[in-house]
C-alpha atoms as a PDB file:
ATOM      1  CA  MET A   1     129.584  -7.469 108.563  1.00  0.00           C
ATOM      2  CA  SER A   2     126.271  -6.039 107.708  1.00  0.00           C
ATOM      3  CA  MET A   3     127.309  -5.656 103.910  1.00  0.00           C
ATOM      4  CA  LEU A   4     128.326  -9.440 103.995  1.00  0.00           C
ATOM      5  CA  MET A   5     125.106 -10.424 105.574  1.00  0.00           C
ATOM      6  CA  LEU A   6     123.316  -8.293 102.958  1.00  0.00           C
ATOM      7  CA  GLU A   7     125.231  -9.901 100.035  1.00  0.00           C
ATOM      8  CA  GLN A   8     124.451 -13.243 101.638  1.00  0.00           C
ATOM      9  CA  THR A   9     120.709 -12.537 101.910  1.00  0.00           C
ATOM     10  CA  VAL A  10     120.509 -11.131  98.367  1.00  0.00           C
ATOM     11  CA  GLY A  11     122.433 -14.066  97.064  1.00  0.00           C
ATOM     12  CA  ALA A  12     120.353 -16.477  98.945  1.00  0.00           C
ATOM     13  CA  ARG A  13     117.186 -15.304  97.272  1.00  0.00           C
ATOM     14  CA  PRO A  14     117.808 -16.791  93.880  1.00  0.00           C
ATOM     15  CA  VAL A  15     118.819 -20.100  95.424  1.00  0.00           C
ATOM     16  CA  ARG A  16     115.454 -20.306  97.203  1.00  0.00           C
ATOM     17  CA  SER A  17     113.578 -19.231  94.115  1.00  0.00           C
ATOM     18  CA  SER A  18     115.535 -21.751  92.001  1.00  0.00           C
ATOM     19  CA  ARG A  19     114.690 -24.585  94.496  1.00  0.00           C
ATOM     20  CA  GLN A  20     111.081 -23.430  94.479  1.00  0.00           C
ATOM     21  CA  ALA A  21     110.896 -23.403  90.676  1.00  0.00           C
ATOM     22  CA  ARG A  22     112.537 -26.848  90.664  1.00  0.00           C
ATOM     23  CA  TYR A  23     109.960 -28.153  93.139  1.00  0.00           C
ATOM     24  CA  ILE A  24     106.985 -26.591  91.226  1.00  0.00           C
ATOM     25  CA  ALA A  25     108.235 -28.133  87.922  1.00  0.00           C
ATOM     26  CA  TRP A  26     108.889 -31.705  89.359  1.00  0.00           C
ATOM     27  CA  THR A  27     105.542 -31.447  91.085  1.00  0.00           C
ATOM     28  CA  ARG A  28     103.910 -30.368  87.873  1.00  0.00           C
ATOM     29  CA  ILE A  29     105.644 -33.092  85.870  1.00  0.00           C
ATOM     30  CA  ALA A  30     104.820 -35.684  88.326  1.00  0.00           C
ATOM     31  CA  SER A  31     101.124 -34.544  88.498  1.00  0.00           C
ATOM     32  CA  LEU A  32     100.838 -34.623  84.720  1.00  0.00           C
ATOM     33  CA  VAL A  33     102.510 -38.067  84.491  1.00  0.00           C
ATOM     34  CA  GLY A  34     100.085 -39.549  86.996  1.00  0.00           C
ATOM     35  CA  LEU A  35      97.039 -37.955  85.572  1.00  0.00           C
ATOM     36  CA  GLY A  36      98.079 -39.159  82.223  1.00  0.00           C
ATOM     37  CA  LEU A  37      98.492 -42.729  83.572  1.00  0.00           C
ATOM     38  CA  ILE A  38      94.958 -42.450  85.095  1.00  0.00           C
ATOM     39  CA  ILE A  39      93.629 -41.124  81.852  1.00  0.00           C
ATOM     40  CA  ALA A  40      95.139 -43.905  79.853  1.00  0.00           C
ATOM     41  CA  PHE A  41      93.814 -46.508  82.291  1.00  0.00           C
ATOM     42  CA  ALA A  42      90.407 -45.031  81.874  1.00  0.00           C
ATOM     43  CA  LEU A  43      90.479 -45.021  78.006  1.00  0.00           C
ATOM     44  CA  VAL A  44      92.402 -48.203  77.221  1.00  0.00           C
ATOM     45  CA  GLY A  45      91.071 -50.391  80.087  1.00  0.00           C
ATOM     46  CA  PRO A  46      87.491 -50.564  78.856  1.00  0.00           C
ATOM     47  CA  LEU A  47      88.827 -51.719  75.486  1.00  0.00           C
ATOM     48  CA  VAL A  48      90.904 -54.604  76.763  1.00  0.00           C
ATOM     49  CA  LEU A  49      89.376 -55.731  79.995  1.00  0.00           C
ATOM     50  CA  PRO A  50      86.043 -57.870  80.362  1.00  0.00           C
ATOM     51  CA  ASP A  51      82.627 -56.444  80.468  1.00  0.00           C
ATOM     52  CA  PRO A  52      82.186 -54.682  83.828  1.00  0.00           C
ATOM     53  CA  ALA A  53      78.749 -56.055  84.085  1.00  0.00           C
ATOM     54  CA  ALA A  54      79.431 -59.634  82.993  1.00  0.00           C
ATOM     55  CA  GLN A  55      78.656 -61.828  86.166  1.00  0.00           C
ATOM     56  CA  ASP A  56      80.328 -65.200  86.926  1.00  0.00           C
ATOM     57  CA  LEU A  57      79.253 -66.631  90.334  1.00  0.00           C
ATOM     58  CA  ALA A  58      81.758 -69.194  89.965  1.00  0.00           C
ATOM     59  CA  ARG A  59      84.549 -66.505  90.483  1.00  0.00           C
ATOM     60  CA  TYR A  60      82.910 -65.192  93.735  1.00  0.00           C
ATOM     61  CA  LEU A  61      85.466 -62.881  95.496  1.00  0.00           C
ATOM     62  CA  GLN A  62      88.526 -64.276  93.773  1.00  0.00           C
ATOM     63  CA  PRO A  63      91.757 -62.521  94.945  1.00  0.00           C
ATOM     64  CA  PRO A  64      93.930 -60.579  92.547  1.00  0.00           C
ATOM     65  CA  SER A  65      95.664 -62.776  89.958  1.00  0.00           C
ATOM     66  CA  VAL A  66      97.293 -62.419  86.578  1.00  0.00           C
ATOM     67  CA  ALA A  67      93.986 -62.622  84.711  1.00  0.00           C
ATOM     68  CA  ASP A  68      92.328 -60.350  87.059  1.00  0.00           C
ATOM     69  CA  PRO A  69      94.854 -57.920  88.668  1.00  0.00           C
ATOM     70  CA  LEU A  70      92.345 -56.504  91.083  1.00  0.00           C
ATOM     71  CA  GLY A  71      90.313 -59.713  91.773  1.00  0.00           C
ATOM     72  CA  THR A  72      86.719 -60.050  91.505  1.00  0.00           C
ATOM     73  CA  ASP A  73      83.637 -58.941  93.384  1.00  0.00           C
ATOM     74  CA  ASP A  74      80.684 -60.841  95.034  1.00  0.00           C
ATOM     75  CA  TYR A  75      79.184 -61.235  91.613  1.00  0.00           C
ATOM     76  CA  GLY A  76      82.294 -62.457  89.955  1.00  0.00           C
ATOM     77  CA  ARG A  77      82.826 -59.276  87.837  1.00  0.00           C
ATOM     78  CA  SER A  78      86.184 -57.991  87.294  1.00  0.00           C
ATOM     79  CA  VAL A  79      87.182 -55.322  89.693  1.00  0.00           C
ATOM     80  CA  ALA A  80      89.813 -53.803  87.372  1.00  0.00           C
ATOM     81  CA  SER A  81      87.327 -53.486  84.604  1.00  0.00           C
ATOM     82  CA  ARG A  82      84.678 -51.791  86.798  1.00  0.00           C
ATOM     83  CA  VAL A  83      87.252 -49.330  88.134  1.00  0.00           C
ATOM     84  CA  ALA A  84      88.448 -48.470  84.554  1.00  0.00           C
ATOM     85  CA  HIS A  85      84.829 -47.826  83.537  1.00  0.00           C
ATOM     86  CA  ALA A  86      84.016 -45.803  86.664  1.00  0.00           C
ATOM     87  CA  THR A  87      87.233 -43.662  86.343  1.00  0.00           C
ATOM     88  CA  ARG A  88      86.259 -42.957  82.600  1.00  0.00           C
ATOM     89  CA  VAL A  89      82.668 -41.874  83.570  1.00  0.00           C
ATOM     90  CA  SER A  90      84.023 -39.742  86.499  1.00  0.00           C
ATOM     91  CA  LEU A  91      86.540 -37.916  84.449  1.00  0.00           C
ATOM     92  CA  LEU A  92      84.265 -37.320  81.377  1.00  0.00           C
ATOM     93  CA  LEU A  93      81.384 -36.146  83.488  1.00  0.00           C
ATOM     94  CA  ALA A  94      83.583 -33.900  85.587  1.00  0.00           C
ATOM     95  CA  ALA A  95      85.326 -32.502  82.559  1.00  0.00           C
ATOM     96  CA  VAL A  96      81.837 -31.674  80.961  1.00  0.00           C
ATOM     97  CA  CYS A  97      80.566 -30.011  84.095  1.00  0.00           C
ATOM     98  CA  VAL A  98      83.670 -27.960  84.566  1.00  0.00           C
ATOM     99  CA  ALA A  99      83.641 -26.889  80.964  1.00  0.00           C
ATOM    100  CA  THR A 100      80.039 -25.823  81.176  1.00  0.00           C
ATOM    101  CA  ALA A 101      80.679 -23.982  84.473  1.00  0.00           C
ATOM    102  CA  LEU A 102      83.754 -22.344  83.094  1.00  0.00           C
ATOM    103  CA  ILE A 103      81.843 -20.882  80.068  1.00  0.00           C
ATOM    104  CA  LEU A 104      78.935 -19.887  82.016  1.00  0.00           C
ATOM    105  CA  GLY A 105      80.925 -18.142  84.773  1.00  0.00           C
ATOM    106  CA  CYS A 106      83.395 -16.526  82.476  1.00  0.00           C
ATOM    107  CA  VAL A 107      80.718 -14.978  80.260  1.00  0.00           C
ATOM    108  CA  ALA A 108      78.737 -13.782  83.311  1.00  0.00           C
ATOM    109  CA  GLY A 109      81.632 -12.527  85.136  1.00  0.00           C
ATOM    110  CA  VAL A 110      83.172 -10.502  82.275  1.00  0.00           C
ATOM    111  CA  LEU A 111      79.699  -9.065  81.477  1.00  0.00           C
ATOM    112  CA  SER A 112      79.220  -8.113  85.037  1.00  0.00           C
ATOM    113  CA  ALA A 113      82.468  -6.347  85.340  1.00  0.00           C
ATOM    114  CA  TRP A 114      82.210  -4.657  81.778  1.00  0.00           C
ATOM    115  CA  PHE A 115      78.653  -3.353  81.851  1.00  0.00           C
ATOM    116  CA  GLY A 116      78.301  -2.785  85.546  1.00  0.00           C
ATOM    117  CA  GLY A 117      74.968  -1.156  86.755  1.00  0.00           C
ATOM    118  CA  TRP A 118      71.776  -3.312  86.589  1.00  0.00           C
ATOM    119  CA  VAL A 119      73.706  -6.108  84.616  1.00  0.00           C
ATOM    120  CA  ASP A 120      76.203  -6.394  87.553  1.00  0.00           C
ATOM    121  CA  ALA A 121      73.467  -6.245  90.301  1.00  0.00           C
ATOM    122  CA  LEU A 122      71.238  -8.831  88.498  1.00  0.00           C
ATOM    123  CA  LEU A 123      74.155 -11.462  88.088  1.00  0.00           C
ATOM    124  CA  ARG A 124      75.435 -10.714  91.457  1.00  0.00           C
ATOM    125  CA  SER A 125      71.948 -11.396  92.908  1.00  0.00           C
ATOM    126  CA  ILE A 126      71.655 -14.706  91.003  1.00  0.00           C
ATOM    127  CA  SER A 127      75.087 -15.889  92.334  1.00  0.00           C
ATOM    128  CA  GLU A 128      74.370 -14.915  95.852  1.00  0.00           C
ATOM    129  CA  ALA A 129      71.174 -17.052  95.615  1.00  0.00           C
ATOM    130  CA  PHE A 130      73.244 -20.033  94.637  1.00  0.00           C
ATOM    131  CA  VAL A 131      75.764 -19.377  97.361  1.00  0.00           C
ATOM    132  CA  ALA A 132      72.970 -19.256 100.093  1.00  0.00           C
ATOM    133  CA  VAL A 133      72.043 -22.722  99.229  1.00  0.00           C
ATOM    134  CA  PRO A 134      74.403 -25.674 100.086  1.00  0.00           C
ATOM    135  CA  ALA A 135      76.051 -27.029  96.951  1.00  0.00           C
ATOM    136  CA  LEU A 136      75.224 -30.635  97.773  1.00  0.00           C
ATOM    137  CA  LEU A 137      71.427 -29.583  98.371  1.00  0.00           C
ATOM    138  CA  VAL A 138      71.363 -28.131  94.821  1.00  0.00           C
ATOM    139  CA  VAL A 139      72.543 -31.272  93.272  1.00  0.00           C
ATOM    140  CA  LEU A 140      70.101 -33.352  95.385  1.00  0.00           C
ATOM    141  CA  LEU A 141      67.234 -31.000  94.245  1.00  0.00           C
ATOM    142  CA  VAL A 142      68.022 -31.398  90.763  1.00  0.00           C
ATOM    143  CA  SER A 143      68.418 -34.938  90.894  1.00  0.00           C
ATOM    144  CA  ALA A 144      65.141 -35.185  92.740  1.00  0.00           C
ATOM    145  CA  LEU A 145      63.423 -33.843  89.486  1.00  0.00           C
ATOM    146  CA  ALA A 146      64.770 -36.416  87.143  1.00  0.00           C
ATOM    147  CA  ALA A 147      64.572 -40.220  87.116  1.00  0.00           C
ATOM    148  CA  PRO A 148      66.885 -42.075  89.738  1.00  0.00           C
ATOM    149  CA  GLY A 149      70.564 -42.352  88.529  1.00  0.00           C
ATOM    150  CA  SER A 150      70.055 -39.865  85.778  1.00  0.00           C
ATOM    151  CA  MET A 151      73.574 -38.720  84.532  1.00  0.00           C
ATOM    152  CA  VAL A 152      71.956 -35.503  82.818  1.00  0.00           C
ATOM    153  CA  ALA A 153      70.602 -34.499  86.210  1.00  0.00           C
ATOM    154  CA  LEU A 154      73.873 -34.864  87.877  1.00  0.00           C
ATOM    155  CA  TYR A 155      75.563 -33.033  85.143  1.00  0.00           C
ATOM    156  CA  VAL A 156      73.279 -30.025  85.510  1.00  0.00           C
ATOM    157  CA  GLY A 157      73.412 -29.950  89.120  1.00  0.00           C
ATOM    158  CA  LEU A 158      77.243 -30.052  89.292  1.00  0.00           C
ATOM    159  CA  ALA A 159      77.441 -27.435  86.745  1.00  0.00           C
ATOM    160  CA  LEU A 160      74.950 -25.052  88.537  1.00  0.00           C
ATOM    161  CA  VAL A 161      76.847 -25.496  91.657  1.00  0.00           C
ATOM    162  CA  GLN A 162      80.241 -24.763  90.068  1.00  0.00           C
ATOM    163  CA  TRP A 163      79.550 -21.729  87.746  1.00  0.00           C
ATOM    164  CA  VAL A 164      79.266 -19.426  90.753  1.00  0.00           C
ATOM    165  CA  GLU A 165      82.891 -20.037  91.669  1.00  0.00           C
ATOM    166  CA  PHE A 166      83.938 -18.975  88.206  1.00  0.00           C
ATOM    167  CA  PHE A 167      81.725 -15.940  88.047  1.00  0.00           C
ATOM    168  CA  ARG A 168      82.848 -14.463  91.332  1.00  0.00           C
ATOM    169  CA  VAL A 169      86.683 -14.911  90.560  1.00  0.00           C
ATOM    170  CA  VAL A 170      86.377 -13.727  86.994  1.00  0.00           C
ATOM    171  CA  ARG A 171      84.232 -10.724  87.840  1.00  0.00           C
ATOM    172  CA  ALA A 172      86.618  -9.538  90.657  1.00  0.00           C
ATOM    173  CA  ARG A 173      89.725 -10.047  88.437  1.00  0.00           C
ATOM    174  CA  SER A 174      88.002  -8.373  85.289  1.00  0.00           C
ATOM    175  CA  ALA A 175      86.778  -5.381  87.362  1.00  0.00           C
ATOM    176  CA  LEU A 176      90.641  -4.757  88.137  1.00  0.00           C
ATOM    177  CA  VAL A 177      91.915  -5.078  84.765  1.00  0.00           C
ATOM    178  CA  LEU A 178      89.210  -3.153  83.026  1.00  0.00           C
ATOM    179  CA  GLY A 179      89.931  -0.379  85.458  1.00  0.00           C
ATOM    180  CA  SER A 180      93.618  -0.371  84.801  1.00  0.00           C
ATOM    181  CA  PRO A 181      95.421   2.526  83.024  1.00  0.00           C
ATOM    182  CA  ALA A 182      96.393   0.157  80.134  1.00  0.00           C
ATOM    183  CA  VAL A 183      92.753  -0.665  79.190  1.00  0.00           C
ATOM    184  CA  GLU A 184      91.790   3.015  79.567  1.00  0.00           C
ATOM    185  CA  ALA A 185      94.559   3.803  77.114  1.00  0.00           C
ATOM    186  CA  ALA A 186      93.331   1.153  74.895  1.00  0.00           C
ATOM    187  CA  GLY A 187      89.804   2.716  75.014  1.00  0.00           C
ATOM    188  CA  LEU A 188      91.225   6.194  74.111  1.00  0.00           C
ATOM    189  CA  LEU A 189      93.132   4.634  71.170  1.00  0.00           C
ATOM    190  CA  GLN A 190      89.875   2.967  69.976  1.00  0.00           C
ATOM    191  CA  LEU A 191      91.440  -0.480  69.840  1.00  0.00           C
ATOM    192  CA  GLY A 192      88.159  -2.152  70.364  1.00  0.00           C
ATOM    193  CA  TRP A 193      87.033  -4.898  72.868  1.00  0.00           C
ATOM    194  CA  PRO A 194      88.762  -7.838  70.905  1.00  0.00           C
ATOM    195  CA  HIS A 195      91.998  -6.108  71.802  1.00  0.00           C
ATOM    196  CA  VAL A 196      91.210  -5.694  75.378  1.00  0.00           C
ATOM    197  CA  VAL A 197      90.131  -9.294  75.716  1.00  0.00           C
ATOM    198  CA  ARG A 198      93.166 -10.706  73.768  1.00  0.00           C
ATOM    199  CA  ARG A 199      95.925  -8.514  75.544  1.00  0.00           C
ATOM    200  CA  HIS A 200      94.576  -7.792  78.953  1.00  0.00           C
ATOM    201  CA  LEU A 201      91.725  -9.971  80.037  1.00  0.00           C
ATOM    202  CA  TRP A 202      92.744 -13.339  78.812  1.00  0.00           C
ATOM    203  CA  PRO A 203      96.474 -13.136  80.175  1.00  0.00           C
ATOM    204  CA  ALA A 204      95.138 -12.121  83.522  1.00  0.00           C
ATOM    205  CA  LEU A 205      92.320 -14.681  83.718  1.00  0.00           C
ATOM    206  CA  ARG A 206      94.137 -17.806  82.402  1.00  0.00           C
ATOM    207  CA  PRO A 207      96.149 -18.767  85.435  1.00  0.00           C
ATOM    208  CA  LEU A 208      92.878 -18.529  87.637  1.00  0.00           C
ATOM    209  CA  LEU A 209      90.980 -20.501  85.023  1.00  0.00           C
ATOM    210  CA  VAL A 210      93.333 -23.326  85.178  1.00  0.00           C
ATOM    211  CA  THR A 211      93.495 -23.388  88.960  1.00  0.00           C
ATOM    212  CA  LEU A 212      89.820 -23.164  89.120  1.00  0.00           C
ATOM    213  CA  SER A 213      89.257 -25.870  86.578  1.00  0.00           C
ATOM    214  CA  SER A 214      91.499 -28.439  88.484  1.00  0.00           C
ATOM    215  CA  LEU A 215      89.706 -27.593  91.781  1.00  0.00           C
ATOM    216  CA  GLY A 216      86.329 -28.068  89.928  1.00  0.00           C
ATOM    217  CA  MET A 217      87.523 -31.423  88.623  1.00  0.00           C
ATOM    218  CA  VAL A 218      88.282 -32.565  92.087  1.00  0.00           C
ATOM    219  CA  THR A 219      85.062 -31.170  93.494  1.00  0.00           C
ATOM    220  CA  SER A 220      82.983 -32.925  90.682  1.00  0.00           C
ATOM    221  CA  ILE A 221      84.616 -36.107  91.122  1.00  0.00           C
ATOM    222  CA  LEU A 222      84.309 -36.299  94.875  1.00  0.00           C
ATOM    223  CA  ALA A 223      80.670 -35.086  94.713  1.00  0.00           C
ATOM    224  CA  MET A 224      79.856 -37.785  92.322  1.00  0.00           C
ATOM    225  CA  SER A 225      81.540 -40.385  94.607  1.00  0.00           C
ATOM    226  CA  THR A 226      79.688 -38.938  97.636  1.00  0.00           C
ATOM    227  CA  LEU A 227      76.453 -39.258  96.098  1.00  0.00           C
ATOM    228  CA  GLY A 228      77.174 -42.702  94.659  1.00  0.00           C
ATOM    229  CA  PHE A 229      78.377 -43.620  98.214  1.00  0.00           C
ATOM    230  CA  VAL A 230      74.800 -42.792  99.694  1.00  0.00           C
ATOM    231  CA  LYS A 231      73.048 -44.248  96.670  1.00  0.00           C
ATOM    232  CA  VAL A 232      71.767 -41.037  95.388  1.00  0.00           C
ATOM    233  CA  GLY A 233      73.980 -40.680  92.278  1.00  0.00           C
ATOM    234  CA  LEU A 234      74.316 -43.139  89.536  1.00  0.00           C
ATOM    235  CA  GLN A 235      72.649 -46.456  90.305  1.00  0.00           C
ATOM    236  CA  PRO A 236      73.824 -50.087  89.824  1.00  0.00           C
ATOM    237  CA  PRO A 237      74.725 -52.108  87.854  1.00  0.00           C
ATOM    238  CA  ARG A 238      76.584 -48.942  86.541  1.00  0.00           C
ATOM    239  CA  ALA A 239      80.090 -48.850  87.603  1.00  0.00           C
ATOM    240  CA  GLU A 240      80.889 -45.503  89.792  1.00  0.00           C
ATOM    241  CA  LEU A 241      83.719 -45.115  92.193  1.00  0.00           C
ATOM    242  CA  GLY A 242      81.496 -44.132  95.434  1.00  0.00           C
ATOM    243  CA  LEU A 243      79.037 -46.842  94.685  1.00  0.00           C
ATOM    244  CA  MET A 244      81.797 -49.435  94.347  1.00  0.00           C
ATOM    245  CA  ILE A 245      83.055 -48.511  97.706  1.00  0.00           C
ATOM    246  CA  THR A 246      79.484 -48.797  99.132  1.00  0.00           C
ATOM    247  CA  GLU A 247      78.935 -52.183  97.393  1.00  0.00           C
ATOM    248  CA  SER A 248      82.385 -53.452  98.886  1.00  0.00           C
ATOM    249  CA  PHE A 249      81.445 -52.608 102.561  1.00  0.00           C
ATOM    250  CA  PRO A 250      79.943 -56.155 103.354  1.00  0.00           C
ATOM    251  CA  PHE A 251      83.047 -57.948 102.089  1.00  0.00           C
ATOM    252  CA  TYR A 252      85.914 -55.608 103.317  1.00  0.00           C
ATOM    253  CA  ASP A 253      87.330 -58.254 105.492  1.00  0.00           C
ATOM    254  CA  ALA A 254      87.124 -61.115 102.899  1.00  0.00           C
ATOM    255  CA  ALA A 255      88.042 -59.034  99.946  1.00  0.00           C
ATOM    256  CA  PRO A 256      89.999 -55.840 100.880  1.00  0.00           C
ATOM    257  CA  TRP A 257      90.887 -55.471  97.356  1.00  0.00           C
ATOM    258  CA  MET A 258      87.189 -54.304  96.497  1.00  0.00           C
ATOM    259  CA  PRO A 259      87.354 -50.997  98.353  1.00  0.00           C
ATOM    260  CA  LEU A 260      91.004 -50.347  97.995  1.00  0.00           C
ATOM    261  CA  ALA A 261      90.955 -50.025  94.198  1.00  0.00           C
ATOM    262  CA  PRO A 262      88.230 -47.134  93.938  1.00  0.00           C
ATOM    263  CA  VAL A 263      89.796 -45.524  96.882  1.00  0.00           C
ATOM    264  CA  ALA A 264      93.230 -45.569  95.562  1.00  0.00           C
ATOM    265  CA  VAL A 265      91.888 -44.010  92.194  1.00  0.00           C
ATOM    266  CA  LEU A 266      90.123 -41.183  93.920  1.00  0.00           C
ATOM    267  CA  PHE A 267      93.159 -40.529  96.139  1.00  0.00           C
ATOM    268  CA  CYS A 268      95.453 -40.305  92.964  1.00  0.00           C
ATOM    269  CA  LEU A 269      93.129 -38.274  91.108  1.00  0.00           C
ATOM    270  CA  THR A 270      92.704 -35.739  93.816  1.00  0.00           C
ATOM    271  CA  VAL A 271      96.537 -35.511  94.559  1.00  0.00           C
ATOM    272  CA  CYS A 272      97.239 -35.097  90.758  1.00  0.00           C
ATOM    273  CA  LEU A 273      94.704 -32.417  90.082  1.00  0.00           C
ATOM    274  CA  LEU A 274      95.689 -30.530  93.193  1.00  0.00           C
ATOM    275  CA  GLY A 275      99.356 -30.895  92.230  1.00  0.00           C
ATOM    276  CA  LEU A 276      98.487 -28.813  88.971  1.00  0.00           C
ATOM    277  CA  ARG A 277      96.557 -26.268  91.113  1.00  0.00           C
ATOM    278  CA  SER A 278      99.570 -25.558  93.245  1.00  0.00           C
ATOM    279  CA  ASN A 279     101.792 -25.248  90.255  1.00  0.00           C
ATOM    280  CA  GLU A 280      99.696 -22.674  88.751  1.00  0.00           C
ATOM    281  CA  GLU A 281      99.452 -20.691  92.013  1.00  0.00           C
ATOM    282  CA  GLY A 282     103.326 -20.862  92.320  1.00  0.00           C
ATOM    283  CA  ARG A 283     103.882 -19.028  88.999  1.00  0.00           C
END
């Protein structure tokens, strides 16, 4: 009986693993398809839809129609066009912020783990200073030094906030890899640092960087929307998802399509990016 139970238990593991693998694969495919559709909407929409700043008061709060699938706002502007432009701005700015934070955090993390000593102490002190300050406060301080609605200030603030996460994770993982017997053997054989980076560091860091990048995209997009929601981020008449939600509040009962469109885009972006993160963790 015990042998039968053991066989059933051993036999059940591949079934659970197979189901989990299929679930992860389908989640990844669905997330990629959803993210691809949103990116296509952000890239193609501004080319085929009307000017997002063009006002026509004769079309005040018109409901969704064939001409305007998401209706118009209180200035007669196409909501679909404004959502497409806002999505493109959010994706591009978030991607640039994450790329900058990734490069800065990776270089600092690897240098800290590789050299140790005063280099590690200095970089850790800088990162701890950033951790001690709330992230949103860092963005607000940087934004306060620039003109209202400055996209450059928003980029610098978000990149400064996010590089710390990359630094801490990369430093911790790099320290483990560089202290492993395989890397010590590579040092004894004098294979050089390019070999260590290519064969040991990069394979260990790559899944973590994908996960951190997807989380960074979500954080950047939600931070931009939050700042726009409180009217501290990008300023009107620029289309921004958080700002569009704020502008739609006085008309939410007469024109519910105005807040629903940016909220739906934010929700879909968050779900798709988190779906990519879960898949990487599940490997």
